[in-house]
Amino acid sequence: MDLSIQIDPILEAHIAQEAKRLGMSESDFVKDLLEQALGFKNPYQLLQQVRSGAPIGDPHASEHTGEKFKAKLHAQRAS
C-alpha cells in the first residue's frame, strides 16, 4: 500500500538525517517508527528477549550456509 503524507521540510530533513545515520532508507525508518507507535514493535520486549539468552528466530538458519548458497546459485544458472 502506498501512503502519501505532507510533512514539514524541517521534519523531513531530520528524518533523512536519522535514516542516513542508521543506514536505512527513509521509508523503512518511517515504517519502523509507525510500527513502534502502533505497538507492533516493542524495543523493550526485544531487549528482554536478547537478555534472556533464549534462542531468537530459527536456530538452524546459519547451518550449512555454503551448501545452500551453492545450490541456489546452481539453480539460478540452470534457469
PDB file of N, CA and C in Angstrom:
ATOM      1  N   MET A   1       0.844  -1.177   0.000  1.00  0.00           N
ATOM      2  CA  MET A   1       0.000   0.000   0.000  1.00  0.00           C
ATOM      3  C   MET A   1       0.883   1.231   0.000  1.00  0.00           C
ATOM      4  N   ASP A   2       0.567   2.158  -0.839  1.00  0.00           N
ATOM      5  CA  ASP A   2       1.275   3.435  -0.865  1.00  0.00           C
ATOM      6  C   ASP A   2       0.484   4.431  -0.041  1.00  0.00           C
ATOM      7  N   LEU A   3       1.206   5.254   0.690  1.00  0.00           N
ATOM      8  CA  LEU A   3       0.594   6.279   1.528  1.00  0.00           C
ATOM      9  C   LEU A   3       1.399   7.549   1.341  1.00  0.00           C
ATOM     10  N   SER A   4       0.718   8.631   1.046  1.00  0.00           N
ATOM     11  CA  SER A   4       1.391   9.910   0.888  1.00  0.00           C
ATOM     12  C   SER A   4       0.961  10.843   2.000  1.00  0.00           C
ATOM     13  N   ILE A   5       1.931  11.492   2.598  1.00  0.00           N
ATOM     14  CA  ILE A   5       1.624  12.485   3.625  1.00  0.00           C
ATOM     15  C   ILE A   5       2.481  13.715   3.357  1.00  0.00           C
ATOM     16  N   GLN A   6       2.025  14.838   3.847  1.00  0.00           N
ATOM     17  CA  GLN A   6       2.798  16.064   3.727  1.00  0.00           C
ATOM     18  C   GLN A   6       3.358  16.377   5.106  1.00  0.00           C
ATOM     19  N   ILE A   7       4.664  16.594   5.145  1.00  0.00           N
ATOM     20  CA  ILE A   7       5.307  16.916   6.403  1.00  0.00           C
ATOM     21  C   ILE A   7       6.149  18.174   6.241  1.00  0.00           C
ATOM     22  N   ASP A   8       6.422  18.780   7.333  1.00  0.00           N
ATOM     23  CA  ASP A   8       7.218  19.993   7.376  1.00  0.00           C
ATOM     24  C   ASP A   8       8.621  19.708   6.820  1.00  0.00           C
ATOM     25  N   PRO A   9       9.186  20.598   6.039  1.00  0.00           N
ATOM     26  CA  PRO A   9      10.528  20.376   5.481  1.00  0.00           C
ATOM     27  C   PRO A   9      11.603  20.142   6.553  1.00  0.00           C
ATOM     28  N   ILE A  10      11.468  20.778   7.696  1.00  0.00           N
ATOM     29  CA  ILE A  10      12.446  20.573   8.768  1.00  0.00           C
ATOM     30  C   ILE A  10      12.351  19.145   9.293  1.00  0.00           C
ATOM     31  N   LEU A  11      11.119  18.642   9.481  1.00  0.00           N
ATOM     32  CA  LEU A  11      10.922  17.267   9.924  1.00  0.00           C
ATOM     33  C   LEU A  11      11.461  16.301   8.871  1.00  0.00           C
ATOM     34  N   GLU A  12      11.225  16.602   7.615  1.00  0.00           N
ATOM     35  CA  GLU A  12      11.721  15.753   6.532  1.00  0.00           C
ATOM     36  C   GLU A  12      13.250  15.683   6.557  1.00  0.00           C
ATOM     37  N   ALA A  13      13.898  16.808   6.827  1.00  0.00           N
ATOM     38  CA  ALA A  13      15.359  16.828   6.906  1.00  0.00           C
ATOM     39  C   ALA A  13      15.848  15.990   8.077  1.00  0.00           C
ATOM     40  N   HIS A  14      15.146  16.059   9.205  1.00  0.00           N
ATOM     41  CA  HIS A  14      15.524  15.246  10.367  1.00  0.00           C
ATOM     42  C   HIS A  14      15.345  13.762  10.077  1.00  0.00           C
ATOM     43  N   ILE A  15      14.275  13.405   9.386  1.00  0.00           N
ATOM     44  CA  ILE A  15      14.040  12.010   9.011  1.00  0.00           C
ATOM     45  C   ILE A  15      15.166  11.524   8.106  1.00  0.00           C
ATOM     46  N   ALA A  16      15.512  12.321   7.117  1.00  0.00           N
ATOM     47  CA  ALA A  16      16.576  11.937   6.192  1.00  0.00           C
ATOM     48  C   ALA A  16      17.907  11.775   6.921  1.00  0.00           C
ATOM     49  N   GLN A  17      18.206  12.697   7.819  1.00  0.00           N
ATOM     50  CA  GLN A  17      19.466  12.643   8.558  1.00  0.00           C
ATOM     51  C   GLN A  17      19.534  11.414   9.465  1.00  0.00           C
ATOM     52  N   GLU A  18      18.463  11.129  10.182  1.00  0.00           N
ATOM     53  CA  GLU A  18      18.453   9.993  11.104  1.00  0.00           C
ATOM     54  C   GLU A  18      18.471   8.668  10.347  1.00  0.00           C
ATOM     55  N   ALA A  19      17.733   8.590   9.251  1.00  0.00           N
ATOM     56  CA  ALA A  19      17.735   7.370   8.442  1.00  0.00           C
ATOM     57  C   ALA A  19      19.132   7.106   7.894  1.00  0.00           C
ATOM     58  N   LYS A  20      19.804   8.156   7.432  1.00  0.00           N
ATOM     59  CA  LYS A  20      21.160   8.001   6.916  1.00  0.00           C
ATOM     60  C   LYS A  20      22.105   7.552   8.021  1.00  0.00           C
ATOM     61  N   ARG A  21      21.962   8.128   9.211  1.00  0.00           N
ATOM     62  CA  ARG A  21      22.813   7.753  10.337  1.00  0.00           C
ATOM     63  C   ARG A  21      22.652   6.285  10.687  1.00  0.00           C
ATOM     64  N   LEU A  22      21.420   5.787  10.584  1.00  0.00           N
ATOM     65  CA  LEU A  22      21.133   4.392  10.914  1.00  0.00           C
ATOM     66  C   LEU A  22      21.383   3.447   9.741  1.00  0.00           C
ATOM     67  N   GLY A  23      21.678   3.998   8.571  1.00  0.00           N
ATOM     68  CA  GLY A  23      21.959   3.158   7.407  1.00  0.00           C
ATOM     69  C   GLY A  23      20.724   2.504   6.828  1.00  0.00           C
ATOM     70  N   MET A  24      19.617   3.212   6.856  1.00  0.00           N
ATOM     71  CA  MET A  24      18.382   2.652   6.313  1.00  0.00           C
ATOM     72  C   MET A  24      17.696   3.704   5.440  1.00  0.00           C
ATOM     73  N   SER A  25      16.750   3.243   4.637  1.00  0.00           N
ATOM     74  CA  SER A  25      16.024   4.181   3.787  1.00  0.00           C
ATOM     75  C   SER A  25      15.063   5.005   4.644  1.00  0.00           C
ATOM     76  N   GLU A  26      14.695   6.152   4.126  1.00  0.00           N
ATOM     77  CA  GLU A  26      13.733   6.994   4.839  1.00  0.00           C
ATOM     78  C   GLU A  26      12.399   6.261   4.995  1.00  0.00           C
ATOM     79  N   SER A  27      12.012   5.536   3.962  1.00  0.00           N
ATOM     80  CA  SER A  27      10.758   4.789   4.009  1.00  0.00           C
ATOM     81  C   SER A  27      10.784   3.744   5.124  1.00  0.00           C
ATOM     82  N   ASP A  28      11.875   2.973   5.204  1.00  0.00           N
ATOM     83  CA  ASP A  28      11.987   1.964   6.256  1.00  0.00           C
ATOM     84  C   ASP A  28      12.028   2.605   7.641  1.00  0.00           C
ATOM     85  N   PHE A  29      12.696   3.749   7.738  1.00  0.00           N
ATOM     86  CA  PHE A  29      12.769   4.461   9.013  1.00  0.00           C
ATOM     87  C   PHE A  29      11.374   4.870   9.484  1.00  0.00           C
ATOM     88  N   VAL A  30      10.586   5.454   8.579  1.00  0.00           N
ATOM     89  CA  VAL A  30       9.233   5.896   8.932  1.00  0.00           C
ATOM     90  C   VAL A  30       8.344   4.697   9.248  1.00  0.00           C
ATOM     91  N   LYS A  31       8.463   3.616   8.453  1.00  0.00           N
ATOM     92  CA  LYS A  31       7.661   2.409   8.740  1.00  0.00           C
ATOM     93  C   LYS A  31       7.987   1.853  10.117  1.00  0.00           C
ATOM     94  N   ASP A  32       9.279   1.834  10.473  1.00  0.00           N
ATOM     95  CA  ASP A  32       9.698   1.340  11.780  1.00  0.00           C
ATOM     96  C   ASP A  32       9.099   2.191  12.900  1.00  0.00           C
ATOM     97  N   LEU A  33       9.123   3.499  12.730  1.00  0.00           N
ATOM     98  CA  LEU A  33       8.534   4.395  13.732  1.00  0.00           C
ATOM     99  C   LEU A  33       7.030   4.165  13.874  1.00  0.00           C
ATOM    100  N   LEU A  34       6.351   3.983  12.743  1.00  0.00           N
ATOM    101  CA  LEU A  34       4.907   3.738  12.796  1.00  0.00           C
ATOM    102  C   LEU A  34       4.591   2.420  13.497  1.00  0.00           C
ATOM    103  N   GLU A  35       5.370   1.385  13.195  1.00  0.00           N
ATOM    104  CA  GLU A  35       5.156   0.092  13.854  1.00  0.00           C
ATOM    105  C   GLU A  35       5.361   0.204  15.357  1.00  0.00           C
ATOM    106  N   GLN A  36       6.364   0.961  15.774  1.00  0.00           N
ATOM    107  CA  GLN A  36       6.589   1.156  17.204  1.00  0.00           C
ATOM    108  C   GLN A  36       5.443   1.942  17.829  1.00  0.00           C
ATOM    109  N   ALA A  37       5.006   3.014  17.162  1.00  0.00           N
ATOM    110  CA  ALA A  37       3.934   3.855  17.690  1.00  0.00           C
ATOM    111  C   ALA A  37       2.612   3.094  17.803  1.00  0.00           C
ATOM    112  N   LEU A  38       2.382   2.158  16.881  1.00  0.00           N
ATOM    113  CA  LEU A  38       1.132   1.392  16.886  1.00  0.00           C
ATOM    114  C   LEU A  38       1.223   0.129  17.735  1.00  0.00           C
ATOM    115  N   GLY A  39       2.390  -0.106  18.325  1.00  0.00           N
ATOM    116  CA  GLY A  39       2.539  -1.239  19.227  1.00  0.00           C
ATOM    117  C   GLY A  39       2.926  -2.543  18.567  1.00  0.00           C
ATOM    118  N   PHE A  40       3.267  -2.512  17.280  1.00  0.00           N
ATOM    119  CA  PHE A  40       3.671  -3.745  16.602  1.00  0.00           C
ATOM    120  C   PHE A  40       5.096  -4.137  16.960  1.00  0.00           C
ATOM    121  N   LYS A  41       5.933  -3.159  17.256  1.00  0.00           N
ATOM    122  CA  LYS A  41       7.313  -3.407  17.653  1.00  0.00           C
ATOM    123  C   LYS A  41       7.529  -2.756  19.009  1.00  0.00           C
ATOM    124  N   ASN A  42       8.070  -3.531  19.914  1.00  0.00           N
ATOM    125  CA  ASN A  42       8.344  -3.003  21.240  1.00  0.00           C
ATOM    126  C   ASN A  42       9.825  -3.232  21.551  1.00  0.00           C
ATOM    127  N   PRO A  43      10.648  -2.183  21.473  1.00  0.00           N
ATOM    128  CA  PRO A  43      12.084  -2.350  21.714  1.00  0.00           C
ATOM    129  C   PRO A  43      12.397  -2.936  23.091  1.00  0.00           C
ATOM    130  N   TYR A  44      11.581  -2.623  24.081  1.00  0.00           N
ATOM    131  CA  TYR A  44      11.822  -3.154  25.421  1.00  0.00           C
ATOM    132  C   TYR A  44      11.642  -4.670  25.451  1.00  0.00           C
ATOM    133  N   GLN A  45      10.602  -5.183  24.777  1.00  0.00           N
ATOM    134  CA  GLN A  45      10.389  -6.632  24.732  1.00  0.00           C
ATOM    135  C   GLN A  45      11.535  -7.324  23.993  1.00  0.00           C
ATOM    136  N   LEU A  46      12.016  -6.720  22.923  1.00  0.00           N
ATOM    137  CA  LEU A  46      13.147  -7.292  22.189  1.00  0.00           C
ATOM    138  C   LEU A  46      14.385  -7.336  23.076  1.00  0.00           C
ATOM    139  N   LEU A  47      14.631  -6.275  23.819  1.00  0.00           N
ATOM    140  CA  LEU A  47      15.768  -6.249  24.738  1.00  0.00           C
ATOM    141  C   LEU A  47      15.642  -7.347  25.787  1.00  0.00           C
ATOM    142  N   GLN A  48      14.435  -7.546  26.301  1.00  0.00           N
ATOM    143  CA  GLN A  48      14.223  -8.618  27.281  1.00  0.00           C
ATOM    144  C   GLN A  48      14.515  -9.983  26.674  1.00  0.00           C
ATOM    145  N   GLN A  49      14.099 -10.206  25.423  1.00  0.00           N
ATOM    146  CA  GLN A  49      14.372 -11.477  24.749  1.00  0.00           C
ATOM    147  C   GLN A  49      15.863 -11.704  24.596  1.00  0.00           C
ATOM    148  N   VAL A  50      16.570 -10.664  24.174  1.00  0.00           N
ATOM    149  CA  VAL A  50      18.014 -10.786  23.966  1.00  0.00           C
ATOM    150  C   VAL A  50      18.712 -11.071  25.286  1.00  0.00           C
ATOM    151  N   ARG A  51      18.335 -10.368  26.330  1.00  0.00           N
ATOM    152  CA  ARG A  51      18.984 -10.555  27.631  1.00  0.00           C
ATOM    153  C   ARG A  51      18.649 -11.895  28.270  1.00  0.00           C
ATOM    154  N   SER A  52      17.533 -12.496  27.890  1.00  0.00           N
ATOM    155  CA  SER A  52      17.141 -13.759  28.495  1.00  0.00           C
ATOM    156  C   SER A  52      18.059 -14.911  28.077  1.00  0.00           C
ATOM    157  N   GLY A  53      18.729 -14.754  26.953  1.00  0.00           N
ATOM    158  CA  GLY A  53      19.605 -15.808  26.467  1.00  0.00           C
ATOM    159  C   GLY A  53      18.872 -16.898  25.714  1.00  0.00           C
ATOM    160  N   ALA A  54      17.551 -16.802  25.620  1.00  0.00           N
ATOM    161  CA  ALA A  54      16.754 -17.788  24.887  1.00  0.00           C
ATOM    162  C   ALA A  54      16.971 -17.593  23.388  1.00  0.00           C
ATOM    163  N   PRO A  55      16.943 -18.666  22.610  1.00  0.00           N
ATOM    164  CA  PRO A  55      17.125 -18.535  21.165  1.00  0.00           C
ATOM    165  C   PRO A  55      16.040 -17.654  20.541  1.00  0.00           C
ATOM    166  N   ILE A  56      16.444 -16.822  19.610  1.00  0.00           N
ATOM    167  CA  ILE A  56      15.511 -15.952  18.898  1.00  0.00           C
ATOM    168  C   ILE A  56      15.574 -16.332  17.429  1.00  0.00           C
ATOM    169  N   GLY A  57      14.447 -16.550  16.823  1.00  0.00           N
ATOM    170  CA  GLY A  57      14.425 -16.915  15.411  1.00  0.00           C
ATOM    171  C   GLY A  57      14.740 -18.387  15.209  1.00  0.00           C
ATOM    172  N   ASP A  58      15.181 -18.712  14.014  1.00  0.00           N
ATOM    173  CA  ASP A  58      15.489 -20.092  13.647  1.00  0.00           C
ATOM    174  C   ASP A  58      16.916 -20.424  14.064  1.00  0.00           C
ATOM    175  N   PRO A  59      17.102 -21.305  15.045  1.00  0.00           N
ATOM    176  CA  PRO A  59      18.459 -21.613  15.493  1.00  0.00           C
ATOM    177  C   PRO A  59      19.286 -22.365  14.452  1.00  0.00           C
ATOM    178  N   HIS A  60      18.655 -22.905  13.434  1.00  0.00           N
ATOM    179  CA  HIS A  60      19.368 -23.666  12.412  1.00  0.00           C
ATOM    180  C   HIS A  60      19.621 -22.846  11.140  1.00  0.00           C
ATOM    181  N   ALA A  61      19.289 -21.561  11.178  1.00  0.00           N
ATOM    182  CA  ALA A  61      19.396 -20.726   9.973  1.00  0.00           C
ATOM    183  C   ALA A  61      20.819 -20.596   9.465  1.00  0.00           C
ATOM    184  N   SER A  62      21.794 -20.675  10.348  1.00  0.00           N
ATOM    185  CA  SER A  62      23.179 -20.483   9.902  1.00  0.00           C
ATOM    186  C   SER A  62      23.918 -21.795   9.651  1.00  0.00           C
ATOM    187  N   GLU A  63      23.183 -22.903   9.619  1.00  0.00           N
ATOM    188  CA  GLU A  63      23.810 -24.191   9.355  1.00  0.00           C
ATOM    189  C   GLU A  63      23.874 -24.447   7.855  1.00  0.00           C
ATOM    190  N   HIS A  64      24.979 -24.947   7.406  1.00  0.00           N
ATOM    191  CA  HIS A  64      25.179 -25.355   6.005  1.00  0.00           C
ATOM    192  C   HIS A  64      24.918 -24.212   5.019  1.00  0.00           C
ATOM    193  N   THR A  65      25.303 -23.004   5.397  1.00  0.00           N
ATOM    194  CA  THR A  65      25.023 -21.856   4.537  1.00  0.00           C
ATOM    195  C   THR A  65      25.774 -21.930   3.213  1.00  0.00           C
ATOM    196  N   GLY A  66      27.001 -22.444   3.232  1.00  0.00           N
ATOM    197  CA  GLY A  66      27.763 -22.556   1.990  1.00  0.00           C
ATOM    198  C   GLY A  66      27.092 -23.486   0.999  1.00  0.00           C
ATOM    199  N   GLU A  67      26.625 -24.610   1.498  1.00  0.00           N
ATOM    200  CA  GLU A  67      25.951 -25.573   0.625  1.00  0.00           C
ATOM    201  C   GLU A  67      24.646 -25.003   0.080  1.00  0.00           C
ATOM    202  N   LYS A  68      23.908 -24.300   0.932  1.00  0.00           N
ATOM    203  CA  LYS A  68      22.638 -23.702   0.498  1.00  0.00           C
ATOM    204  C   LYS A  68      22.888 -22.636  -0.565  1.00  0.00           C
ATOM    205  N   PHE A  69      23.930 -21.832  -0.362  1.00  0.00           N
ATOM    206  CA  PHE A  69      24.264 -20.773  -1.312  1.00  0.00           C
ATOM    207  C   PHE A  69      24.667 -21.359  -2.659  1.00  0.00           C
ATOM    208  N   LYS A  70      25.495 -22.386  -2.633  1.00  0.00           N
ATOM    209  CA  LYS A  70      25.919 -23.037  -3.880  1.00  0.00           C
ATOM    210  C   LYS A  70      24.719 -23.622  -4.620  1.00  0.00           C
ATOM    211  N   ALA A  71      23.809 -24.250  -3.893  1.00  0.00           N
ATOM    212  CA  ALA A  71      22.619 -24.829  -4.524  1.00  0.00           C
ATOM    213  C   ALA A  71      21.749 -23.736  -5.148  1.00  0.00           C
ATOM    214  N   LYS A  72      21.650 -22.614  -4.464  1.00  0.00           N
ATOM    215  CA  LYS A  72      20.841 -21.511  -5.001  1.00  0.00           C
ATOM    216  C   LYS A  72      21.477 -20.947  -6.263  1.00  0.00           C
ATOM    217  N   LEU A  73      22.790 -20.781  -6.273  1.00  0.00           N
ATOM    218  CA  LEU A  73      23.481 -20.296  -7.471  1.00  0.00           C
ATOM    219  C   LEU A  73      23.329 -21.281  -8.614  1.00  0.00           C
ATOM    220  N   HIS A  74      23.469 -22.572  -8.318  1.00  0.00           N
ATOM    221  CA  HIS A  74      23.337 -23.596  -9.346  1.00  0.00           C
ATOM    222  C   HIS A  74      21.930 -23.556  -9.952  1.00  0.00           C
ATOM    223  N   ALA A  75      20.922 -23.378  -9.117  1.00  0.00           N
ATOM    224  CA  ALA A  75      19.547 -23.317  -9.601  1.00  0.00           C
ATOM    225  C   ALA A  75      19.332 -22.094 -10.485  1.00  0.00           C
ATOM    226  N   GLN A  76      19.948 -20.985 -10.136  1.00  0.00           N
ATOM    227  CA  GLN A  76      19.810 -19.777 -10.943  1.00  0.00           C
ATOM    228  C   GLN A  76      20.483 -19.936 -12.310  1.00  0.00           C
ATOM    229  N   ARG A  77      21.622 -20.579 -12.315  1.00  0.00           N
ATOM    230  CA  ARG A  77      22.343 -20.775 -13.577  1.00  0.00           C
ATOM    231  C   ARG A  77      21.621 -21.767 -14.477  1.00  0.00           C
ATOM    232  N   ALA A  78      20.912 -22.709 -13.879  1.00  0.00           N
ATOM    233  CA  ALA A  78      20.195 -23.709 -14.659  1.00  0.00           C
ATOM    234  C   ALA A  78      18.952 -23.121 -15.331  1.00  0.00           C
ATOM    235  N   SER A  79      18.434 -22.031 -14.779  1.00  0.00           N
ATOM    236  CA  SER A  79      17.211 -21.440 -15.365  1.00  0.00           C
ATOM    237  C   SER A  79      17.474 -20.651 -16.592  1.00  0.00           C
TER     238      SER A  79
END
